[in-house]
Amino acid sequence: MEAWADNEWRLLCRDRCWRPKAALAWSGSERTYLNGTEDKPLESDRPDFTEASSTVGYRRVQIETGYTYIQDNDTVDRSAHSFPEMLARIGMFAEWFEMRLAWNYGVNLTRDNVVSSIFDGGEDLYVGAKIAVTEQDGWRPEMAIMPQMNVPTGHVDLSSGEVEPGVNWLYGWDIFESVGAGGSTQVNRAQDDTGRFFAEFAQSFTINYALGDRLGAYTEWFAFFPYDAATALPQQYFDGGFTFRQNNNLQFDIRAGVGLNEAADDFFAGLGSVIRL
């Protein structure tokens, strides 16, 4: 990959000047430059687990929200409600850089024979950045990297009490005009039920389908693999869903998924929306 040439540094460039879409370029490939007047459909990180390998764009703000219901019936019956799943994506400095802030609230209900317990509270604040590294060039993918962390601000039952850093590598391909594929590989610090901290690896792969000018769909596999955990076990999931784009700046979605092994939650379903300002 080739780094920017000296005359391509445009961090201080203002309105209507041309900026590179990605920070780097594959060797021998041409780069795309944008000036902020483009009116292309938004690209969202939701509803699938795999985030988009593109950034929101310089001086763009995109708000993604949703709700998820989760059910798991193993030794005890457990259900959970997750909302508002708020993610703010803020483009700054360059086309290829976005700041990310996320927050969520959880309600958890556990039933064991005739005994029930419920607790709810805010989860830890998520802070991160997404850096668009390359555009796609043939079989060489569009790529982005996301340094990220959870900051201990949540309810005592939902927070680890410590900073949990991590990094996420994203990659994607436009295969045909109506079919795309993408994936993510990440590792994050996490805590299990005993309070032990461990490294949690996560892997995903998704296929996206354009079913019309406004309707889209996806199918996806994703999994979590704990390393050096006391009680946490690997979990695998399969999910799918649909998106409907009202216009270039407003999208709605619905999704559902199932666990593929004993340690995973049995079922989840949700809906959401995305607005670009």
C-alpha atoms as a PDB file:
ATOM      1  CA  MET A   1       0.000   0.000   0.000  1.00  0.00           C
ATOM      2  CA  GLU A   2       1.135   3.548  -0.723  1.00  0.00           C
ATOM      3  CA  ALA A   3       0.997   6.316   1.852  1.00  0.00           C
ATOM      4  CA  TRP A   4      -0.201   9.781   0.969  1.00  0.00           C
ATOM      5  CA  ALA A   5       2.081  11.973  -1.068  1.00  0.00           C
ATOM      6  CA  ASP A   6       2.887  15.344   0.474  1.00  0.00           C
ATOM      7  CA  ASN A   7       0.386  17.183  -1.735  1.00  0.00           C
ATOM      8  CA  GLU A   8      -2.440  14.849  -0.662  1.00  0.00           C
ATOM      9  CA  TRP A   9      -2.553  15.961   2.983  1.00  0.00           C
ATOM     10  CA  ARG A  10      -5.853  17.827   3.189  1.00  0.00           C
ATOM     11  CA  LEU A  11      -6.733  17.774   6.880  1.00  0.00           C
ATOM     12  CA  LEU A  12      -7.243  21.547   6.903  1.00  0.00           C
ATOM     13  CA  CYS A  13      -9.241  21.586   3.667  1.00  0.00           C
ATOM     14  CA  ARG A  14     -12.604  23.314   3.996  1.00  0.00           C
ATOM     15  CA  ASP A  15     -15.871  23.229   2.005  1.00  0.00           C
ATOM     16  CA  ARG A  16     -15.891  21.956  -1.574  1.00  0.00           C
ATOM     17  CA  CYS A  17     -12.261  20.900  -1.688  1.00  0.00           C
ATOM     18  CA  TRP A  18     -11.413  17.367  -2.703  1.00  0.00           C
ATOM     19  CA  ARG A  19     -10.401  14.843  -0.061  1.00  0.00           C
ATOM     20  CA  PRO A  20      -9.348  11.187  -0.402  1.00  0.00           C
ATOM     21  CA  LYS A  21     -12.019   8.668   0.560  1.00  0.00           C
ATOM     22  CA  ALA A  22      -9.484   6.371   2.269  1.00  0.00           C
ATOM     23  CA  ALA A  23      -6.272   7.081   4.151  1.00  0.00           C
ATOM     24  CA  LEU A  24      -4.162   4.728   2.013  1.00  0.00           C
ATOM     25  CA  ALA A  25      -4.359   3.059  -1.392  1.00  0.00           C
ATOM     26  CA  TRP A  26      -3.539  -0.371  -2.723  1.00  0.00           C
ATOM     27  CA  SER A  27      -0.385  -0.338  -4.849  1.00  0.00           C
ATOM     28  CA  GLY A  28      -1.253   0.596  -8.427  1.00  0.00           C
ATOM     29  CA  SER A  29      -4.888   1.520  -7.714  1.00  0.00           C
ATOM     30  CA  GLU A  30      -6.556   4.870  -8.324  1.00  0.00           C
ATOM     31  CA  ARG A  31      -7.978   6.805  -5.405  1.00  0.00           C
ATOM     32  CA  THR A  32     -11.416   8.347  -5.076  1.00  0.00           C
ATOM     33  CA  TYR A  33     -11.658  11.990  -4.028  1.00  0.00           C
ATOM     34  CA  LEU A  34     -14.815  13.568  -2.603  1.00  0.00           C
ATOM     35  CA  ASN A  35     -15.765  17.196  -2.033  1.00  0.00           C
ATOM     36  CA  GLY A  36     -18.764  16.805   0.271  1.00  0.00           C
ATOM     37  CA  THR A  37     -21.462  17.567  -2.295  1.00  0.00           C
ATOM     38  CA  GLU A  38     -22.174  13.909  -3.093  1.00  0.00           C
ATOM     39  CA  ASP A  39     -25.671  12.667  -2.215  1.00  0.00           C
ATOM     40  CA  LYS A  40     -25.211   8.912  -2.002  1.00  0.00           C
ATOM     41  CA  PRO A  41     -27.397   6.571   0.105  1.00  0.00           C
ATOM     42  CA  LEU A  42     -26.215   6.145   3.677  1.00  0.00           C
ATOM     43  CA  GLU A  43     -24.225   3.067   4.688  1.00  0.00           C
ATOM     44  CA  SER A  44     -25.117   1.865   8.176  1.00  0.00           C
ATOM     45  CA  ASP A  45     -23.360  -0.282  10.756  1.00  0.00           C
ATOM     46  CA  ARG A  46     -26.674  -1.858  11.796  1.00  0.00           C
ATOM     47  CA  PRO A  47     -28.620  -4.112  11.763  1.00  0.00           C
ATOM     48  CA  ASP A  48     -26.009  -6.854  11.361  1.00  0.00           C
ATOM     49  CA  PHE A  49     -23.176  -7.552  13.787  1.00  0.00           C
ATOM     50  CA  THR A  50     -20.579  -6.693  11.121  1.00  0.00           C
ATOM     51  CA  GLU A  51     -19.961  -2.953  10.904  1.00  0.00           C
ATOM     52  CA  ALA A  52     -19.596  -1.309   7.503  1.00  0.00           C
ATOM     53  CA  SER A  53     -16.039  -0.994   6.198  1.00  0.00           C
ATOM     54  CA  SER A  54     -16.775   2.604   5.119  1.00  0.00           C
ATOM     55  CA  THR A  55     -16.839   5.818   7.146  1.00  0.00           C
ATOM     56  CA  VAL A  56     -19.733   8.251   7.374  1.00  0.00           C
ATOM     57  CA  GLY A  57     -17.878  11.102   5.630  1.00  0.00           C
ATOM     58  CA  TYR A  58     -16.361  14.437   6.598  1.00  0.00           C
ATOM     59  CA  ARG A  59     -18.731  16.704   8.573  1.00  0.00           C
ATOM     60  CA  ARG A  60     -21.470  14.063   8.421  1.00  0.00           C
ATOM     61  CA  VAL A  61     -23.338  12.899  11.512  1.00  0.00           C
ATOM     62  CA  GLN A  62     -25.221   9.596  11.498  1.00  0.00           C
ATOM     63  CA  ILE A  63     -27.400   8.361  14.374  1.00  0.00           C
ATOM     64  CA  GLU A  64     -28.259   4.657  14.574  1.00  0.00           C
ATOM     65  CA  THR A  65     -30.763   3.334  17.133  1.00  0.00           C
ATOM     66  CA  GLY A  66     -32.722   0.160  17.790  1.00  0.00           C
ATOM     67  CA  TYR A  67     -34.319  -2.369  20.118  1.00  0.00           C
ATOM     68  CA  THR A  68     -33.525  -6.066  20.608  1.00  0.00           C
ATOM     69  CA  TYR A  69     -35.369  -8.831  22.476  1.00  0.00           C
ATOM     70  CA  ILE A  70     -33.206 -11.758  23.639  1.00  0.00           C
ATOM     71  CA  GLN A  71     -34.353 -15.133  24.974  1.00  0.00           C
ATOM     72  CA  ASP A  72     -32.386 -18.046  26.404  1.00  0.00           C
ATOM     73  CA  ASN A  73     -33.859 -21.178  28.007  1.00  0.00           C
ATOM     74  CA  ASP A  74     -31.162 -23.346  29.539  1.00  0.00           C
ATOM     75  CA  THR A  75     -30.958 -24.212  33.235  1.00  0.00           C
ATOM     76  CA  VAL A  76     -33.005 -21.046  33.879  1.00  0.00           C
ATOM     77  CA  ASP A  77     -35.260 -18.997  31.648  1.00  0.00           C
ATOM     78  CA  ARG A  78     -33.744 -15.652  30.799  1.00  0.00           C
ATOM     79  CA  SER A  79     -35.030 -12.809  28.692  1.00  0.00           C
ATOM     80  CA  ALA A  80     -33.604  -9.366  28.042  1.00  0.00           C
ATOM     81  CA  HIS A  81     -34.571  -6.102  26.387  1.00  0.00           C
ATOM     82  CA  SER A  82     -31.898  -3.894  24.843  1.00  0.00           C
ATOM     83  CA  PHE A  83     -32.543  -0.264  23.870  1.00  0.00           C
ATOM     84  CA  PRO A  84     -31.940   2.363  22.494  1.00  0.00           C
ATOM     85  CA  GLU A  85     -28.716   0.858  21.077  1.00  0.00           C
ATOM     86  CA  MET A  86     -27.666   4.399  20.226  1.00  0.00           C
ATOM     87  CA  LEU A  87     -24.589   4.864  18.073  1.00  0.00           C
ATOM     88  CA  ALA A  88     -23.453   8.317  16.972  1.00  0.00           C
ATOM     89  CA  ARG A  89     -21.003   8.386  14.045  1.00  0.00           C
ATOM     90  CA  ILE A  90     -19.362  11.761  13.508  1.00  0.00           C
ATOM     91  CA  GLY A  91     -17.118  12.478  10.537  1.00  0.00           C
ATOM     92  CA  MET A  92     -14.229  14.795  11.365  1.00  0.00           C
ATOM     93  CA  PHE A  93     -10.731  15.800  10.183  1.00  0.00           C
ATOM     94  CA  ALA A  94     -11.018  13.883   6.883  1.00  0.00           C
ATOM     95  CA  GLU A  95     -13.347  11.742   4.766  1.00  0.00           C
ATOM     96  CA  TRP A  96     -11.691   8.638   6.148  1.00  0.00           C
ATOM     97  CA  PHE A  97     -12.054   9.355   9.893  1.00  0.00           C
ATOM     98  CA  GLU A  98     -15.105   9.116  12.127  1.00  0.00           C
ATOM     99  CA  MET A  99     -15.584   9.430  15.874  1.00  0.00           C
ATOM    100  CA  ARG A 100     -17.959   6.918  17.469  1.00  0.00           C
ATOM    101  CA  LEU A 101     -19.975   7.094  20.682  1.00  0.00           C
ATOM    102  CA  ALA A 102     -22.485   4.442  21.759  1.00  0.00           C
ATOM    103  CA  TRP A 103     -24.727   3.845  24.762  1.00  0.00           C
ATOM    104  CA  ASN A 104     -27.373   1.287  25.643  1.00  0.00           C
ATOM    105  CA  TYR A 105     -29.796   0.312  28.419  1.00  0.00           C
ATOM    106  CA  GLY A 106     -30.583  -3.263  29.404  1.00  0.00           C
ATOM    107  CA  VAL A 107     -33.472  -4.941  31.210  1.00  0.00           C
ATOM    108  CA  ASN A 108     -32.802  -8.542  32.280  1.00  0.00           C
ATOM    109  CA  LEU A 109     -35.397 -10.969  33.663  1.00  0.00           C
ATOM    110  CA  THR A 110     -34.469 -14.404  35.066  1.00  0.00           C
ATOM    111  CA  ARG A 111     -36.968 -17.112  36.074  1.00  0.00           C
ATOM    112  CA  ASP A 112     -35.903 -20.206  38.036  1.00  0.00           C
ATOM    113  CA  ASN A 113     -38.977 -22.354  38.839  1.00  0.00           C
ATOM    114  CA  VAL A 114     -41.128 -19.964  40.890  1.00  0.00           C
ATOM    115  CA  VAL A 115     -38.358 -17.482  41.716  1.00  0.00           C
ATOM    116  CA  SER A 116     -37.935 -14.468  39.465  1.00  0.00           C
ATOM    117  CA  SER A 117     -35.384 -11.677  39.507  1.00  0.00           C
ATOM    118  CA  ILE A 118     -35.090  -8.552  37.417  1.00  0.00           C
ATOM    119  CA  PHE A 119     -32.457  -5.885  37.099  1.00  0.00           C
ATOM    120  CA  ASP A 120     -31.954  -3.053  34.673  1.00  0.00           C
ATOM    121  CA  GLY A 121     -29.506  -0.266  34.089  1.00  0.00           C
ATOM    122  CA  GLY A 122     -27.295   1.580  31.673  1.00  0.00           C
ATOM    123  CA  GLU A 123     -24.382  -0.186  30.065  1.00  0.00           C
ATOM    124  CA  ASP A 124     -20.840   1.155  29.800  1.00  0.00           C
ATOM    125  CA  LEU A 125     -20.219   4.001  27.365  1.00  0.00           C
ATOM    126  CA  TYR A 126     -18.536   2.908  24.147  1.00  0.00           C
ATOM    127  CA  VAL A 127     -15.924   5.230  22.619  1.00  0.00           C
ATOM    128  CA  GLY A 128     -14.129   4.500  19.385  1.00  0.00           C
ATOM    129  CA  ALA A 129     -12.971   5.670  15.989  1.00  0.00           C
ATOM    130  CA  LYS A 130     -13.220   4.237  12.501  1.00  0.00           C
ATOM    131  CA  ILE A 131     -10.428   4.825   9.992  1.00  0.00           C
ATOM    132  CA  ALA A 132     -11.076   3.941   6.341  1.00  0.00           C
ATOM    133  CA  VAL A 133      -7.777   2.392   5.252  1.00  0.00           C
ATOM    134  CA  THR A 134      -8.302   1.323   1.617  1.00  0.00           C
ATOM    135  CA  GLU A 135     -10.918   1.224  -1.108  1.00  0.00           C
ATOM    136  CA  GLN A 136     -11.694  -2.016  -2.900  1.00  0.00           C
ATOM    137  CA  ASP A 137      -9.509  -2.811  -5.905  1.00  0.00           C
ATOM    138  CA  GLY A 138     -10.606  -6.046  -7.552  1.00  0.00           C
ATOM    139  CA  TRP A 139     -10.160  -8.890  -5.078  1.00  0.00           C
ATOM    140  CA  ARG A 140      -8.331  -6.572  -2.656  1.00  0.00           C
ATOM    141  CA  PRO A 141     -10.974  -5.432  -0.157  1.00  0.00           C
ATOM    142  CA  GLU A 142     -12.197  -2.141   1.152  1.00  0.00           C
ATOM    143  CA  MET A 143     -10.810  -2.046   4.694  1.00  0.00           C
ATOM    144  CA  ALA A 144     -11.190  -0.057   7.896  1.00  0.00           C
ATOM    145  CA  ILE A 145      -9.718  -0.307  11.372  1.00  0.00           C
ATOM    146  CA  MET A 146     -11.542   0.587  14.586  1.00  0.00           C
ATOM    147  CA  PRO A 147      -9.699   1.216  17.867  1.00  0.00           C
ATOM    148  CA  GLN A 148     -12.359   1.107  20.576  1.00  0.00           C
ATOM    149  CA  MET A 149     -13.050   0.774  24.290  1.00  0.00           C
ATOM    150  CA  ASN A 150     -15.792   0.539  26.895  1.00  0.00           C
ATOM    151  CA  VAL A 151     -15.555   3.152  29.647  1.00  0.00           C
ATOM    152  CA  PRO A 152     -16.833   2.109  33.139  1.00  0.00           C
ATOM    153  CA  THR A 153     -19.892   4.337  33.415  1.00  0.00           C
ATOM    154  CA  GLY A 154     -22.682   1.744  33.554  1.00  0.00           C
ATOM    155  CA  HIS A 155     -24.804   0.071  36.228  1.00  0.00           C
ATOM    156  CA  VAL A 156     -22.844  -2.079  38.679  1.00  0.00           C
ATOM    157  CA  ASP A 157     -24.550  -5.254  37.392  1.00  0.00           C
ATOM    158  CA  LEU A 158     -23.710  -4.439  33.777  1.00  0.00           C
ATOM    159  CA  SER A 159     -20.272  -2.834  34.059  1.00  0.00           C
ATOM    160  CA  SER A 160     -16.866  -4.448  34.578  1.00  0.00           C
ATOM    161  CA  GLY A 161     -15.710  -1.388  36.503  1.00  0.00           C
ATOM    162  CA  GLU A 162     -12.626  -0.998  34.321  1.00  0.00           C
ATOM    163  CA  VAL A 163     -11.705   0.236  30.860  1.00  0.00           C
ATOM    164  CA  GLU A 164     -12.037  -2.516  28.253  1.00  0.00           C
ATOM    165  CA  PRO A 165      -9.970  -1.642  25.152  1.00  0.00           C
ATOM    166  CA  GLY A 166     -10.099  -3.452  21.839  1.00  0.00           C
ATOM    167  CA  VAL A 167      -9.590  -3.224  18.098  1.00  0.00           C
ATOM    168  CA  ASN A 168     -11.766  -4.260  15.154  1.00  0.00           C
ATOM    169  CA  TRP A 169     -10.580  -4.936  11.588  1.00  0.00           C
ATOM    170  CA  LEU A 170     -13.299  -4.562   8.925  1.00  0.00           C
ATOM    171  CA  TYR A 171     -13.211  -5.639   5.282  1.00  0.00           C
ATOM    172  CA  GLY A 172     -15.720  -5.834   2.446  1.00  0.00           C
ATOM    173  CA  TRP A 173     -16.221  -6.506  -1.265  1.00  0.00           C
ATOM    174  CA  ASP A 174     -18.811  -5.492  -3.855  1.00  0.00           C
ATOM    175  CA  ILE A 175     -19.114  -8.820  -5.687  1.00  0.00           C
ATOM    176  CA  PHE A 176     -21.939  -8.080  -8.107  1.00  0.00           C
ATOM    177  CA  GLU A 177     -24.151  -5.036  -8.557  1.00  0.00           C
ATOM    178  CA  SER A 178     -26.700  -6.498  -6.142  1.00  0.00           C
ATOM    179  CA  VAL A 179     -24.493  -8.658  -3.881  1.00  0.00           C
ATOM    180  CA  GLY A 180     -21.792  -7.666  -1.425  1.00  0.00           C
ATOM    181  CA  ALA A 181     -19.825  -9.430   1.288  1.00  0.00           C
ATOM    182  CA  GLY A 182     -17.979  -8.314   4.370  1.00  0.00           C
ATOM    183  CA  GLY A 183     -16.457  -9.452   7.605  1.00  0.00           C
ATOM    184  CA  SER A 184     -14.863  -8.359  10.828  1.00  0.00           C
ATOM    185  CA  THR A 185     -12.107  -9.705  13.044  1.00  0.00           C
ATOM    186  CA  GLN A 186     -11.730  -8.191  16.498  1.00  0.00           C
ATOM    187  CA  VAL A 187     -10.354  -8.695  19.978  1.00  0.00           C
ATOM    188  CA  ASN A 188     -11.574  -6.909  23.099  1.00  0.00           C
ATOM    189  CA  ARG A 189     -10.944  -7.056  26.806  1.00  0.00           C
ATOM    190  CA  ALA A 190     -13.920  -8.589  28.646  1.00  0.00           C
ATOM    191  CA  GLN A 191     -14.937  -9.903  32.068  1.00  0.00           C
ATOM    192  CA  ASP A 192     -16.669 -13.185  32.901  1.00  0.00           C
ATOM    193  CA  ASP A 193     -19.131 -14.018  35.701  1.00  0.00           C
ATOM    194  CA  THR A 194     -16.345 -14.645  38.218  1.00  0.00           C
ATOM    195  CA  GLY A 195     -14.808 -11.206  37.662  1.00  0.00           C
ATOM    196  CA  ARG A 196     -11.869 -12.589  35.690  1.00  0.00           C
ATOM    197  CA  PHE A 197     -10.695 -10.478  32.746  1.00  0.00           C
ATOM    198  CA  PHE A 198      -9.893 -12.218  29.477  1.00  0.00           C
ATOM    199  CA  ALA A 199      -9.371 -11.552  25.766  1.00  0.00           C
ATOM    200  CA  GLU A 200     -12.508 -12.083  23.710  1.00  0.00           C
ATOM    201  CA  PHE A 201     -11.968 -12.680  19.997  1.00  0.00           C
ATOM    202  CA  ALA A 202     -14.906 -12.196  17.641  1.00  0.00           C
ATOM    203  CA  GLN A 203     -15.296 -13.162  13.991  1.00  0.00           C
ATOM    204  CA  SER A 204     -18.122 -12.482  11.549  1.00  0.00           C
ATOM    205  CA  PHE A 205     -19.002 -12.827   7.888  1.00  0.00           C
ATOM    206  CA  THR A 206     -22.030 -11.300   6.179  1.00  0.00           C
ATOM    207  CA  ILE A 207     -23.582 -11.295   2.704  1.00  0.00           C
ATOM    208  CA  ASN A 208     -25.714  -8.322   1.651  1.00  0.00           C
ATOM    209  CA  TYR A 209     -28.366  -8.383  -1.061  1.00  0.00           C
ATOM    210  CA  ALA A 210     -29.979  -5.469  -2.914  1.00  0.00           C
ATOM    211  CA  LEU A 211     -33.601  -6.514  -3.533  1.00  0.00           C
ATOM    212  CA  GLY A 212     -34.586  -3.251  -5.208  1.00  0.00           C
ATOM    213  CA  ASP A 213     -33.871   0.447  -5.157  1.00  0.00           C
ATOM    214  CA  ARG A 214     -34.859   0.746  -1.477  1.00  0.00           C
ATOM    215  CA  LEU A 215     -35.076  -2.777  -0.060  1.00  0.00           C
ATOM    216  CA  GLY A 216     -32.044  -4.708   1.122  1.00  0.00           C
ATOM    217  CA  ALA A 217     -31.357  -7.923   3.030  1.00  0.00           C
ATOM    218  CA  TYR A 218     -28.498  -9.767   4.678  1.00  0.00           C
ATOM    219  CA  THR A 219     -27.528 -13.136   6.136  1.00  0.00           C
ATOM    220  CA  GLU A 220     -24.683 -13.463   8.615  1.00  0.00           C
ATOM    221  CA  TRP A 221     -22.645 -15.718  10.859  1.00  0.00           C
ATOM    222  CA  PHE A 222     -20.796 -14.349  13.870  1.00  0.00           C
ATOM    223  CA  ALA A 223     -19.081 -15.864  16.894  1.00  0.00           C
ATOM    224  CA  PHE A 224     -17.250 -15.045  20.129  1.00  0.00           C
ATOM    225  CA  PHE A 225     -14.163 -16.960  21.273  1.00  0.00           C
ATOM    226  CA  PRO A 226     -12.932 -16.253  24.837  1.00  0.00           C
ATOM    227  CA  TYR A 227      -9.276 -16.777  25.669  1.00  0.00           C
ATOM    228  CA  ASP A 228      -8.139 -17.469  29.244  1.00  0.00           C
ATOM    229  CA  ALA A 229     -11.634 -17.056  30.712  1.00  0.00           C
ATOM    230  CA  ALA A 230     -12.855 -18.898  33.812  1.00  0.00           C
ATOM    231  CA  THR A 231     -16.499 -19.404  32.829  1.00  0.00           C
ATOM    232  CA  ALA A 232     -17.117 -17.750  29.445  1.00  0.00           C
ATOM    233  CA  LEU A 233     -17.584 -20.206  26.567  1.00  0.00           C
ATOM    234  CA  PRO A 234     -17.517 -19.817  22.771  1.00  0.00           C
ATOM    235  CA  GLN A 235     -20.801 -18.648  21.251  1.00  0.00           C
ATOM    236  CA  GLN A 236     -21.920 -18.833  17.633  1.00  0.00           C
ATOM    237  CA  TYR A 237     -24.930 -17.216  15.941  1.00  0.00           C
ATOM    238  CA  PHE A 238     -26.716 -17.015  12.615  1.00  0.00           C
ATOM    239  CA  ASP A 239     -28.953 -14.076  11.788  1.00  0.00           C
ATOM    240  CA  GLY A 240     -30.619 -12.242   8.928  1.00  0.00           C
ATOM    241  CA  GLY A 241     -32.741  -9.213   8.294  1.00  0.00           C
ATOM    242  CA  PHE A 242     -34.059  -6.536   5.982  1.00  0.00           C
ATOM    243  CA  THR A 243     -33.455  -2.829   5.500  1.00  0.00           C
ATOM    244  CA  PHE A 244     -35.779  -0.280   3.909  1.00  0.00           C
ATOM    245  CA  ARG A 245     -34.383   3.058   2.784  1.00  0.00           C
ATOM    246  CA  GLN A 246     -37.002   5.796   2.902  1.00  0.00           C
ATOM    247  CA  ASN A 247     -34.570   8.195   1.244  1.00  0.00           C
ATOM    248  CA  ASN A 248     -30.796   8.650   1.054  1.00  0.00           C
ATOM    249  CA  ASN A 249     -30.663   9.842   4.673  1.00  0.00           C
ATOM    250  CA  LEU A 250     -33.253   7.648   6.448  1.00  0.00           C
ATOM    251  CA  GLN A 251     -33.335   3.861   6.830  1.00  0.00           C
ATOM    252  CA  PHE A 252     -35.378   1.335   8.825  1.00  0.00           C
ATOM    253  CA  ASP A 253     -34.415  -2.259   9.641  1.00  0.00           C
ATOM    254  CA  ILE A 254     -35.638  -5.521  11.148  1.00  0.00           C
ATOM    255  CA  ARG A 255     -33.637  -8.620  12.073  1.00  0.00           C
ATOM    256  CA  ALA A 256     -33.740 -11.979  13.864  1.00  0.00           C
ATOM    257  CA  GLY A 257     -31.216 -14.640  14.767  1.00  0.00           C
ATOM    258  CA  VAL A 258     -30.607 -17.908  16.594  1.00  0.00           C
ATOM    259  CA  GLY A 259     -27.783 -19.382  18.647  1.00  0.00           C
ATOM    260  CA  LEU A 260     -25.881 -22.250  17.061  1.00  0.00           C
ATOM    261  CA  ASN A 261     -24.456 -23.843  20.210  1.00  0.00           C
ATOM    262  CA  GLU A 262     -25.461 -24.467  23.823  1.00  0.00           C
ATOM    263  CA  ALA A 263     -23.601 -21.496  25.283  1.00  0.00           C
ATOM    264  CA  ALA A 264     -25.235 -19.011  22.894  1.00  0.00           C
ATOM    265  CA  ASP A 265     -28.573 -17.299  23.499  1.00  0.00           C
ATOM    266  CA  ASP A 266     -31.417 -19.246  21.882  1.00  0.00           C
ATOM    267  CA  PHE A 267     -33.097 -16.407  19.981  1.00  0.00           C
ATOM    268  CA  PHE A 268     -33.001 -12.664  19.388  1.00  0.00           C
ATOM    269  CA  ALA A 269     -34.992 -10.235  17.272  1.00  0.00           C
ATOM    270  CA  GLY A 270     -35.055  -6.497  16.863  1.00  0.00           C
ATOM    271  CA  LEU A 271     -35.730  -3.426  14.776  1.00  0.00           C
ATOM    272  CA  GLY A 272     -34.138  -0.035  14.344  1.00  0.00           C
ATOM    273  CA  SER A 273     -33.585   3.085  12.328  1.00  0.00           C
ATOM    274  CA  VAL A 274     -30.739   5.186  10.954  1.00  0.00           C
ATOM    275  CA  ILE A 275     -30.757   8.888  10.141  1.00  0.00           C
ATOM    276  CA  ARG A 276     -27.964  10.867   8.521  1.00  0.00           C
ATOM    277  CA  LEU A 277     -27.836  14.565   9.235  1.00  0.00           C
END
